N, C-alpha and C. Protein backbone atom coordinates (compact mmCIF):
# COMPACT_ATOMS: atom_id res chain seq x y z
N UNK A 1 0.99 -1.20 0.03
CA UNK A 1 -0.06 -0.13 -0.17
C UNK A 1 1.15 1.19 -0.09
N UNK A 2 0.61 2.24 -0.99
CA UNK A 2 1.08 3.37 -1.00
C UNK A 2 0.92 4.62 -0.31
N UNK A 3 1.52 5.27 0.27
CA UNK A 3 1.15 6.40 1.12
C UNK A 3 1.34 7.85 0.40
N UNK A 4 0.35 8.68 0.52
CA UNK A 4 0.63 10.02 -0.02
C UNK A 4 1.94 10.65 0.70
N UNK A 5 2.16 11.80 0.04
CA UNK A 5 3.23 12.28 0.48
C UNK A 5 2.87 13.46 1.57
N UNK A 6 1.63 13.58 1.45
CA UNK A 6 0.84 14.77 2.26
C UNK A 6 0.84 14.03 3.86
N UNK A 7 0.54 12.70 3.50
CA UNK A 7 0.27 12.01 4.89
C UNK A 7 1.61 11.64 5.67
N UNK A 8 2.49 11.46 4.86
CA UNK A 8 3.93 11.34 5.16
C UNK A 8 4.36 12.23 5.85
N UNK A 9 4.14 13.74 5.19
CA UNK A 9 4.50 14.76 5.95
C UNK A 9 3.71 15.06 7.27
N UNK A 10 2.57 14.72 7.30
CA UNK A 10 1.52 15.17 8.41
C UNK A 10 2.10 14.18 9.66
N UNK A 11 2.42 12.80 9.21
CA UNK A 11 3.36 11.97 10.18
C UNK A 11 4.36 12.43 10.81
N UNK A 12 5.43 13.00 9.81
CA UNK A 12 6.63 13.47 10.24
C UNK A 12 6.56 14.74 11.23
N UNK A 13 5.44 15.51 11.09
CA UNK A 13 5.35 16.61 11.64
C UNK A 13 4.79 16.43 13.01
N UNK A 14 4.05 15.38 13.11
CA UNK A 14 3.38 14.73 14.48
C UNK A 14 4.45 14.13 15.46
N UNK A 15 5.28 13.30 14.85
CA UNK A 15 6.54 12.79 15.47
C UNK A 15 7.54 13.61 15.98
N UNK A 16 7.74 14.97 15.50
CA UNK A 16 8.26 15.87 15.98
C UNK A 16 8.11 16.59 17.15
N UNK A 17 6.84 16.26 17.53
CA UNK A 17 6.51 17.38 18.80
C UNK A 17 6.95 16.56 19.96
N UNK A 18 7.42 17.51 20.89
CA UNK A 18 8.04 17.06 22.11
C UNK A 18 6.96 16.16 23.03
N UNK A 19 7.48 15.39 23.88
CA UNK A 19 6.68 14.64 24.53
C UNK A 19 6.02 15.36 25.64
N UNK A 20 6.57 16.50 26.17
CA UNK A 20 6.35 17.48 27.39
C UNK A 20 5.33 18.13 26.84
N UNK A 21 5.30 18.75 25.50
CA UNK A 21 4.20 19.82 24.75
C UNK A 21 2.95 18.73 24.68
N UNK A 22 3.30 17.58 24.06
CA UNK A 22 2.19 16.83 23.74
C UNK A 22 1.24 16.54 24.86
N UNK A 23 2.05 15.89 26.35
CA UNK A 23 1.51 16.03 27.71
C UNK A 23 0.50 17.33 27.77
N UNK A 24 1.00 18.34 27.86
CA UNK A 24 0.27 19.80 27.83
C UNK A 24 -0.92 19.68 26.96
N UNK A 25 -0.73 19.42 25.77
CA UNK A 25 -2.01 19.26 24.89
C UNK A 25 -3.21 18.22 25.46
N UNK A 26 -2.60 17.32 25.88
CA UNK A 26 -3.38 16.35 26.22
C UNK A 26 -3.91 16.48 27.64
N UNK A 27 -3.58 17.46 28.34
CA UNK A 27 -4.09 17.68 29.64
C UNK A 27 -3.26 17.02 30.73
N UNK A 28 -2.21 16.46 30.45
CA UNK A 28 -1.82 15.48 31.27
C UNK A 28 -0.54 16.37 32.06
N UNK A 29 -0.72 16.55 33.40
CA UNK A 29 0.16 17.74 34.21
C UNK A 29 1.34 16.80 34.70
N UNK A 30 2.47 16.97 34.47
CA UNK A 30 3.73 16.46 34.68
C UNK A 30 4.91 17.34 35.69
N UNK A 31 5.48 16.98 36.19
CA UNK A 31 6.35 17.64 37.21
C UNK A 31 7.65 16.97 37.24
N UNK A 32 8.90 17.72 37.02
CA UNK A 32 10.15 17.10 37.38
C UNK A 32 10.47 16.44 38.67
N UNK A 33 10.91 15.46 38.44
CA UNK A 33 11.42 14.81 39.62
C UNK A 33 12.88 14.03 39.45
N UNK A 34 14.10 14.84 40.09
CA UNK A 34 15.36 14.36 39.85
C UNK A 34 15.85 15.12 38.45
N UNK A 35 17.11 14.77 37.98
CA UNK A 35 17.87 15.29 36.70
C UNK A 35 16.68 15.18 35.50
N UNK A 36 16.37 13.96 34.97
CA UNK A 36 15.88 14.48 33.83
C UNK A 36 14.58 13.42 33.63
N UNK A 37 14.16 13.28 34.61
CA UNK A 37 12.82 12.58 34.94
C UNK A 37 11.69 13.43 35.22
N UNK A 38 10.76 13.28 34.48
CA UNK A 38 9.24 13.73 34.68
C UNK A 38 8.05 12.83 35.11
N UNK A 39 7.16 13.10 35.82
CA UNK A 39 6.13 12.15 36.45
C UNK A 39 5.00 12.84 36.39
N UNK A 40 4.14 12.24 36.02
CA UNK A 40 2.56 12.53 35.89
C UNK A 40 1.66 11.35 36.22
N UNK A 41 0.42 11.87 36.21
CA UNK A 41 -0.82 10.77 36.40
C UNK A 41 -1.33 9.92 35.03
N UNK A 42 -1.23 8.88 34.80
CA UNK A 42 -1.59 8.07 33.68
C UNK A 42 -2.74 8.07 33.49
N UNK A 43 -3.13 8.54 32.07
CA UNK A 43 -4.72 8.83 31.99
C UNK A 43 -5.28 7.21 31.36
N UNK A 44 -4.33 5.97 31.44
CA UNK A 44 -5.00 4.91 31.01
C UNK A 44 -5.40 3.95 32.35
N UNK A 45 -4.42 4.41 33.39
CA UNK A 45 -4.93 3.23 34.57
C UNK A 45 -5.61 4.19 35.90
N UNK A 46 -5.67 5.50 35.61
CA UNK A 46 -6.33 6.28 36.60
C UNK A 46 -5.77 6.05 38.15
N UNK A 47 -4.72 5.54 38.21
CA UNK A 47 -4.12 5.62 39.63
C UNK A 47 -3.79 6.86 40.27
N UNK A 48 -3.78 6.73 41.59
CA UNK A 48 -3.78 8.02 42.49
C UNK A 48 -2.24 8.44 42.43
N UNK A 49 -1.49 7.70 42.27
CA UNK A 49 0.19 8.28 42.49
C UNK A 49 0.39 8.55 40.83
N UNK A 50 1.38 9.70 40.87
CA UNK A 50 1.92 9.92 39.41
C UNK A 50 2.98 8.69 38.96
N UNK A 51 2.34 7.83 38.00
CA UNK A 51 3.25 6.60 37.81
C UNK A 51 3.77 6.65 36.43
N UNK A 52 3.28 7.97 35.67
CA UNK A 52 3.66 8.04 34.08
C UNK A 52 4.95 8.57 34.11
N UNK A 53 5.97 7.93 33.69
CA UNK A 53 7.49 8.32 33.49
C UNK A 53 7.72 8.68 32.27
N UNK A 54 7.87 10.70 32.33
CA UNK A 54 8.11 10.77 30.84
C UNK A 54 9.64 10.85 30.80
N UNK A 55 10.31 10.73 29.42
CA UNK A 55 11.80 10.91 29.48
C UNK A 55 11.90 11.60 28.16
N UNK A 56 12.24 12.87 28.19
CA UNK A 56 12.26 13.91 27.22
C UNK A 56 13.50 13.70 26.10
N UNK A 57 14.52 12.99 26.87
CA UNK A 57 15.76 13.16 26.29
C UNK A 57 15.81 11.73 25.31
N UNK A 58 14.93 10.38 25.44
CA UNK A 58 15.10 9.21 24.88
C UNK A 58 14.35 9.39 23.58
N UNK A 59 14.92 8.56 22.40
CA UNK A 59 14.19 8.71 21.30
C UNK A 59 14.25 9.84 20.58
N UNK A 60 13.62 9.99 19.52
CA UNK A 60 13.47 11.17 18.85
C UNK A 60 12.96 12.63 19.72
N UNK A 61 11.50 12.36 20.13
CA UNK A 61 10.97 13.19 20.65
C UNK A 61 10.68 12.92 22.22
N UNK A 62 11.23 12.20 22.72
CA UNK A 62 11.02 11.71 24.14
C UNK A 62 10.01 10.42 24.13
N UNK A 63 9.70 9.93 25.26
CA UNK A 63 9.36 8.62 25.41
C UNK A 63 8.65 8.64 26.72
N UNK A 64 7.66 8.08 26.84
CA UNK A 64 6.75 7.69 28.10
C UNK A 64 6.52 6.57 28.15
N UNK A 65 6.55 6.18 29.58
CA UNK A 65 5.93 4.63 30.18
C UNK A 65 5.48 4.62 31.49
N UNK A 66 4.00 3.90 31.79
CA UNK A 66 3.63 3.75 33.13
C UNK A 66 3.92 2.78 33.59
N UNK A 67 4.30 2.84 34.83
CA UNK A 67 4.95 1.99 35.78
C UNK A 67 4.15 0.86 36.23
N UNK A 68 2.48 0.98 36.00
CA UNK A 68 1.53 0.32 36.52
C UNK A 68 1.02 -0.37 35.33
N UNK A 69 0.67 0.12 34.57
CA UNK A 69 -0.25 -0.61 33.34
C UNK A 69 0.59 -1.21 32.01
N UNK A 70 2.20 -0.50 32.18
CA UNK A 70 3.14 -0.97 31.20
C UNK A 70 2.72 -0.44 29.91
N UNK A 71 2.27 0.71 29.52
CA UNK A 71 2.05 1.39 28.03
C UNK A 71 3.04 2.31 27.93
N UNK A 72 3.63 2.33 26.95
CA UNK A 72 4.83 3.48 26.45
C UNK A 72 4.76 3.30 25.17
N UNK A 73 5.51 4.70 24.96
CA UNK A 73 5.87 4.90 23.48
C UNK A 73 6.23 6.39 23.18
N UNK A 74 5.93 6.63 21.88
CA UNK A 74 6.74 8.19 21.54
C UNK A 74 5.34 9.00 21.84
N UNK A 75 5.59 10.53 21.68
CA UNK A 75 4.28 11.38 21.83
C UNK A 75 3.33 11.07 20.71
N UNK A 76 3.27 10.62 19.34
CA UNK A 76 2.33 10.37 18.44
C UNK A 76 1.59 9.00 19.13
N UNK A 77 2.18 8.07 19.70
CA UNK A 77 1.53 6.68 20.56
C UNK A 77 0.25 7.22 21.66
N UNK A 78 1.11 8.14 22.05
CA UNK A 78 0.42 8.57 23.60
C UNK A 78 -0.60 9.43 23.14
N UNK A 79 -0.76 10.18 22.09
CA UNK A 79 -1.64 11.02 21.53
C UNK A 79 -3.03 9.89 20.91
N UNK A 80 -2.27 9.13 20.00
CA UNK A 80 -3.29 7.93 19.52
C UNK A 80 -4.12 7.45 20.76
N UNK A 81 -3.37 6.89 21.81
CA UNK A 81 -4.09 6.12 22.83
C UNK A 81 -4.78 6.93 23.70
N UNK A 82 -4.52 8.11 23.75
CA UNK A 82 -5.48 9.00 24.80
C UNK A 82 -6.70 9.24 23.95
N UNK A 83 -6.74 9.73 22.63
CA UNK A 83 -7.74 10.17 22.00
C UNK A 83 -8.57 8.92 20.95
N UNK A 84 -8.06 7.93 21.27
CA UNK A 84 -8.59 6.61 20.64
C UNK A 84 -8.94 6.96 19.12
């Protein structure tokens, strides 16, 4: 299956969004803990403790990983999971 150049351009632009700004767009409040780690409340498992680990320096634009429900990925994957 061949994709259009416009679609590829949109995906490339979406993958360039920083993980911290994506969290802000999705309403996930994060705060810095330690040197390079950020934590927030996971939108998938609704746990009371901040268990969503944000690593802005890993990958192309940062990665996320929930320590409870074990979901993780890049900013685009986070957007797609939250927005369904």
